[in-house]
Structures are given as structure tokens and as C-alpha cells.
Amino acid sequence: MIKKYYDKLFKEFCLADLSRFREGKVGLRWRTKAEVLSGKGQLICGNKICSSEDSLESLEVNFAYKEDGERKNALVKVVLCPLCKPKLRYQQDQEKKNLSSNRNVESKKL
């Protein structure tokens, strides 16, 4: 039972590489043993380059990965601070802005 819980710690939370968020590219990876023990990605912001511990929010995201040559999907948690959270949804927010601005332009033409 303890081993099962220990294994779950590695696969429940992920770390995110948000360095290329403006390009719509977000990298996710499992946490290492040292990161699990330090609390990175659970008690500390899960962005690779952030170490904030204040006002963290847990988000569930779909994580697609390959394991032993087999494609897998997992619903995982990413814990982010208020500064990093918008970076995760940056591309979707930009697309929504573009759609709404296109609708406003079309409605003005009519």
C-alpha cells in the first residue's frame, strides 16, 4: 500500500516547461524523486523556472506521452502560481481574442 502511494506521487503531478508558451508549446514531464521529496510541482510552482510557494492553484491537464513505444494519455495536475497560470492557457486565450475580434469586425460590416 505504501509503495502504491509512493508511485502515485510521481505520476499524479507534472512539471511544466512554459518557456515557449507564446509559440503555443508547453512541455510536461513527470517529477523526479528529488522533486517529489522537495515538493516541486505540488507545494512549489510546477513551472520549471519558478519557485513561488504563494497562492498556488492546481489545474488538470491532459498529458500525452509515450511509454515503451506505446502512446498514452493521462489526466494530471499541474500546480502553478498566479504569474505562471496564464502562460499555460496563453495560446487558447489568444485564439479566443482573435475569434471575438473577427466576429466584431463581421458584425460591423453587416
C-alpha atoms as a PDB file:
ATOM      1  CA  MET A   1       0.000   0.000   0.000  1.00  0.00           C
ATOM      2  CA  ILE A   2       2.835   2.403   0.803  1.00  0.00           C
ATOM      3  CA  LYS A   3       4.591   1.577  -2.471  1.00  0.00           C
ATOM      4  CA  LYS A   4       1.368   2.245  -4.379  1.00  0.00           C
ATOM      5  CA  TYR A   5       1.038   5.680  -2.760  1.00  0.00           C
ATOM      6  CA  TYR A   6       4.732   6.408  -3.369  1.00  0.00           C
ATOM      7  CA  ASP A   7       4.389   5.509  -7.077  1.00  0.00           C
ATOM      8  CA  LYS A   8       1.291   7.702  -7.329  1.00  0.00           C
ATOM      9  CA  LEU A   9       3.271  10.720  -6.110  1.00  0.00           C
ATOM     10  CA  PHE A  10       5.433  10.543  -9.223  1.00  0.00           C
ATOM     11  CA  LYS A  11       2.526  10.298 -11.684  1.00  0.00           C
ATOM     12  CA  GLU A  12      -0.147  12.495 -10.112  1.00  0.00           C
ATOM     13  CA  PHE A  13       1.646  15.829 -10.555  1.00  0.00           C
ATOM     14  CA  CYS A  14       3.713  17.061 -13.509  1.00  0.00           C
ATOM     15  CA  LEU A  15       6.180  19.837 -14.089  1.00  0.00           C
ATOM     16  CA  ALA A  16       5.690  22.243 -16.973  1.00  0.00           C
ATOM     17  CA  ASP A  17       8.210  23.940 -19.235  1.00  0.00           C
ATOM     18  CA  LEU A  18       6.467  27.194 -20.112  1.00  0.00           C
ATOM     19  CA  SER A  19       9.499  28.896 -21.705  1.00  0.00           C
ATOM     20  CA  ARG A  20       7.920  28.719 -25.207  1.00  0.00           C
ATOM     21  CA  PHE A  21       4.316  29.472 -24.223  1.00  0.00           C
ATOM     22  CA  ARG A  22       3.954  32.286 -26.786  1.00  0.00           C
ATOM     23  CA  GLU A  23       4.523  29.726 -29.546  1.00  0.00           C
ATOM     24  CA  GLY A  24       1.811  27.501 -28.102  1.00  0.00           C
ATOM     25  CA  LYS A  25       4.365  24.937 -26.977  1.00  0.00           C
ATOM     26  CA  VAL A  26       4.114  23.630 -23.434  1.00  0.00           C
ATOM     27  CA  GLY A  27       6.236  20.724 -22.267  1.00  0.00           C
ATOM     28  CA  LEU A  28       5.149  18.414 -19.460  1.00  0.00           C
ATOM     29  CA  ARG A  29       7.202  15.811 -17.673  1.00  0.00           C
ATOM     30  CA  TRP A  30       6.950  13.554 -14.659  1.00  0.00           C
ATOM     31  CA  ARG A  31       8.675  14.644 -11.457  1.00  0.00           C
ATOM     32  CA  THR A  32      11.927  13.054 -10.350  1.00  0.00           C
ATOM     33  CA  LYS A  33      12.422  11.555  -6.903  1.00  0.00           C
ATOM     34  CA  ALA A  34      14.292  14.656  -5.717  1.00  0.00           C
ATOM     35  CA  GLU A  35      11.464  16.901  -6.947  1.00  0.00           C
ATOM     36  CA  VAL A  36       8.848  14.765  -5.210  1.00  0.00           C
ATOM     37  CA  LEU A  37      10.786  14.954  -1.942  1.00  0.00           C
ATOM     38  CA  SER A  38      11.304  18.729  -2.242  1.00  0.00           C
ATOM     39  CA  GLY A  39       7.642  19.368  -3.099  1.00  0.00           C
ATOM     40  CA  LYS A  40       8.350  20.890  -6.520  1.00  0.00           C
ATOM     41  CA  GLY A  41       5.155  20.730  -8.568  1.00  0.00           C
ATOM     42  CA  GLN A  42       2.950  20.163  -5.533  1.00  0.00           C
ATOM     43  CA  LEU A  43       3.951  22.623  -2.811  1.00  0.00           C
ATOM     44  CA  ILE A  44       6.117  24.791  -5.089  1.00  0.00           C
ATOM     45  CA  CYS A  45       5.076  26.172  -8.504  1.00  0.00           C
ATOM     46  CA  GLY A  46       5.303  23.478 -11.190  1.00  0.00           C
ATOM     47  CA  ASN A  47       6.821  25.772 -13.824  1.00  0.00           C
ATOM     48  CA  LYS A  48      10.373  24.627 -14.500  1.00  0.00           C
ATOM     49  CA  ILE A  49      11.948  28.009 -13.739  1.00  0.00           C
ATOM     50  CA  CYS A  50       9.643  29.302 -10.972  1.00  0.00           C
ATOM     51  CA  SER A  51       9.971  28.614  -7.262  1.00  0.00           C
ATOM     52  CA  SER A  52       6.974  30.521  -5.898  1.00  0.00           C
ATOM     53  CA  GLU A  53       5.087  28.988  -2.994  1.00  0.00           C
ATOM     54  CA  ASP A  54       2.329  31.634  -2.760  1.00  0.00           C
ATOM     55  CA  SER A  55      -1.306  31.338  -3.927  1.00  0.00           C
ATOM     56  CA  LEU A  56      -0.765  28.105  -5.864  1.00  0.00           C
ATOM     57  CA  GLU A  57      -3.596  26.698  -7.937  1.00  0.00           C
ATOM     58  CA  SER A  58      -3.945  23.128  -9.145  1.00  0.00           C
ATOM     59  CA  LEU A  59      -5.018  22.622 -12.777  1.00  0.00           C
ATOM     60  CA  GLU A  60      -5.849  19.346 -14.501  1.00  0.00           C
ATOM     61  CA  VAL A  61      -4.420  18.898 -17.985  1.00  0.00           C
ATOM     62  CA  ASN A  62      -4.238  16.071 -20.484  1.00  0.00           C
ATOM     63  CA  PHE A  63      -0.701  14.694 -20.715  1.00  0.00           C
ATOM     64  CA  ALA A  64       0.038  12.708 -23.875  1.00  0.00           C
ATOM     65  CA  TYR A  65       3.264  10.709 -23.767  1.00  0.00           C
ATOM     66  CA  LYS A  66       4.985   7.541 -24.996  1.00  0.00           C
ATOM     67  CA  GLU A  67       5.973   4.710 -22.693  1.00  0.00           C
ATOM     68  CA  ASP A  68       7.676   1.600 -24.070  1.00  0.00           C
ATOM     69  CA  GLY A  69       6.749   2.751 -27.590  1.00  0.00           C
ATOM     70  CA  GLU A  70       3.045   2.930 -26.702  1.00  0.00           C
ATOM     71  CA  ARG A  71       1.135   6.227 -26.817  1.00  0.00           C
ATOM     72  CA  LYS A  72      -0.646   7.007 -23.567  1.00  0.00           C
ATOM     73  CA  ASN A  73      -2.776   9.802 -22.132  1.00  0.00           C
ATOM     74  CA  ALA A  74      -3.136  10.742 -18.505  1.00  0.00           C
ATOM     75  CA  LEU A  75      -5.095  13.435 -16.713  1.00  0.00           C
ATOM     76  CA  VAL A  76      -2.510  15.032 -14.433  1.00  0.00           C
ATOM     77  CA  LYS A  77      -2.307  18.004 -12.089  1.00  0.00           C
ATOM     78  CA  VAL A  78      -0.066  20.984 -12.684  1.00  0.00           C
ATOM     79  CA  VAL A  79       0.294  23.366  -9.746  1.00  0.00           C
ATOM     80  CA  LEU A  80       1.047  26.933 -10.824  1.00  0.00           C
ATOM     81  CA  CYS A  81       1.375  30.343  -9.215  1.00  0.00           C
ATOM     82  CA  PRO A  82      -0.714  33.332 -10.411  1.00  0.00           C
ATOM     83  CA  LEU A  83       2.131  34.552 -12.663  1.00  0.00           C
ATOM     84  CA  CYS A  84       2.603  31.207 -14.428  1.00  0.00           C
ATOM     85  CA  LYS A  85      -1.037  30.144 -14.751  1.00  0.00           C
ATOM     86  CA  PRO A  86      -1.861  32.485 -17.694  1.00  0.00           C
ATOM     87  CA  LYS A  87       1.123  31.099 -19.603  1.00  0.00           C
ATOM     88  CA  LEU A  88      -0.417  27.626 -19.644  1.00  0.00           C
ATOM     89  CA  ARG A  89      -3.560  28.896 -21.407  1.00  0.00           C
ATOM     90  CA  TYR A  90      -1.878  31.659 -23.441  1.00  0.00           C
ATOM     91  CA  GLN A  91      -2.468  30.128 -26.876  1.00  0.00           C
ATOM     92  CA  GLN A  92      -6.142  29.324 -26.204  1.00  0.00           C
ATOM     93  CA  ASP A  93      -6.731  32.832 -24.847  1.00  0.00           C
ATOM     94  CA  GLN A  94      -5.134  34.379 -27.934  1.00  0.00           C
ATOM     95  CA  GLU A  95      -7.318  32.265 -30.233  1.00  0.00           C
ATOM     96  CA  LYS A  96     -10.444  33.351 -28.321  1.00  0.00           C
ATOM     97  CA  LYS A  97      -9.415  37.010 -28.640  1.00  0.00           C
ATOM     98  CA  ASN A  98      -8.901  36.578 -32.384  1.00  0.00           C
ATOM     99  CA  LEU A  99     -12.291  34.887 -32.798  1.00  0.00           C
ATOM    100  CA  SER A 100     -14.123  37.577 -30.863  1.00  0.00           C
ATOM    101  CA  SER A 101     -12.366  40.381 -32.751  1.00  0.00           C
ATOM    102  CA  ASN A 102     -13.205  38.687 -36.076  1.00  0.00           C
ATOM    103  CA  ARG A 103     -16.870  38.438 -35.026  1.00  0.00           C
ATOM    104  CA  ASN A 104     -16.909  42.120 -34.071  1.00  0.00           C
ATOM    105  CA  VAL A 105     -15.467  43.090 -37.463  1.00  0.00           C
ATOM    106  CA  GLU A 106     -18.028  40.924 -39.298  1.00  0.00           C
ATOM    107  CA  SER A 107     -20.947  42.319 -37.288  1.00  0.00           C
ATOM    108  CA  LYS A 108     -19.831  45.895 -38.046  1.00  0.00           C
ATOM    109  CA  LYS A 109     -19.827  45.072 -41.783  1.00  0.00           C
ATOM    110  CA  LEU A 110     -23.473  43.990 -41.613  1.00  0.00           C
END
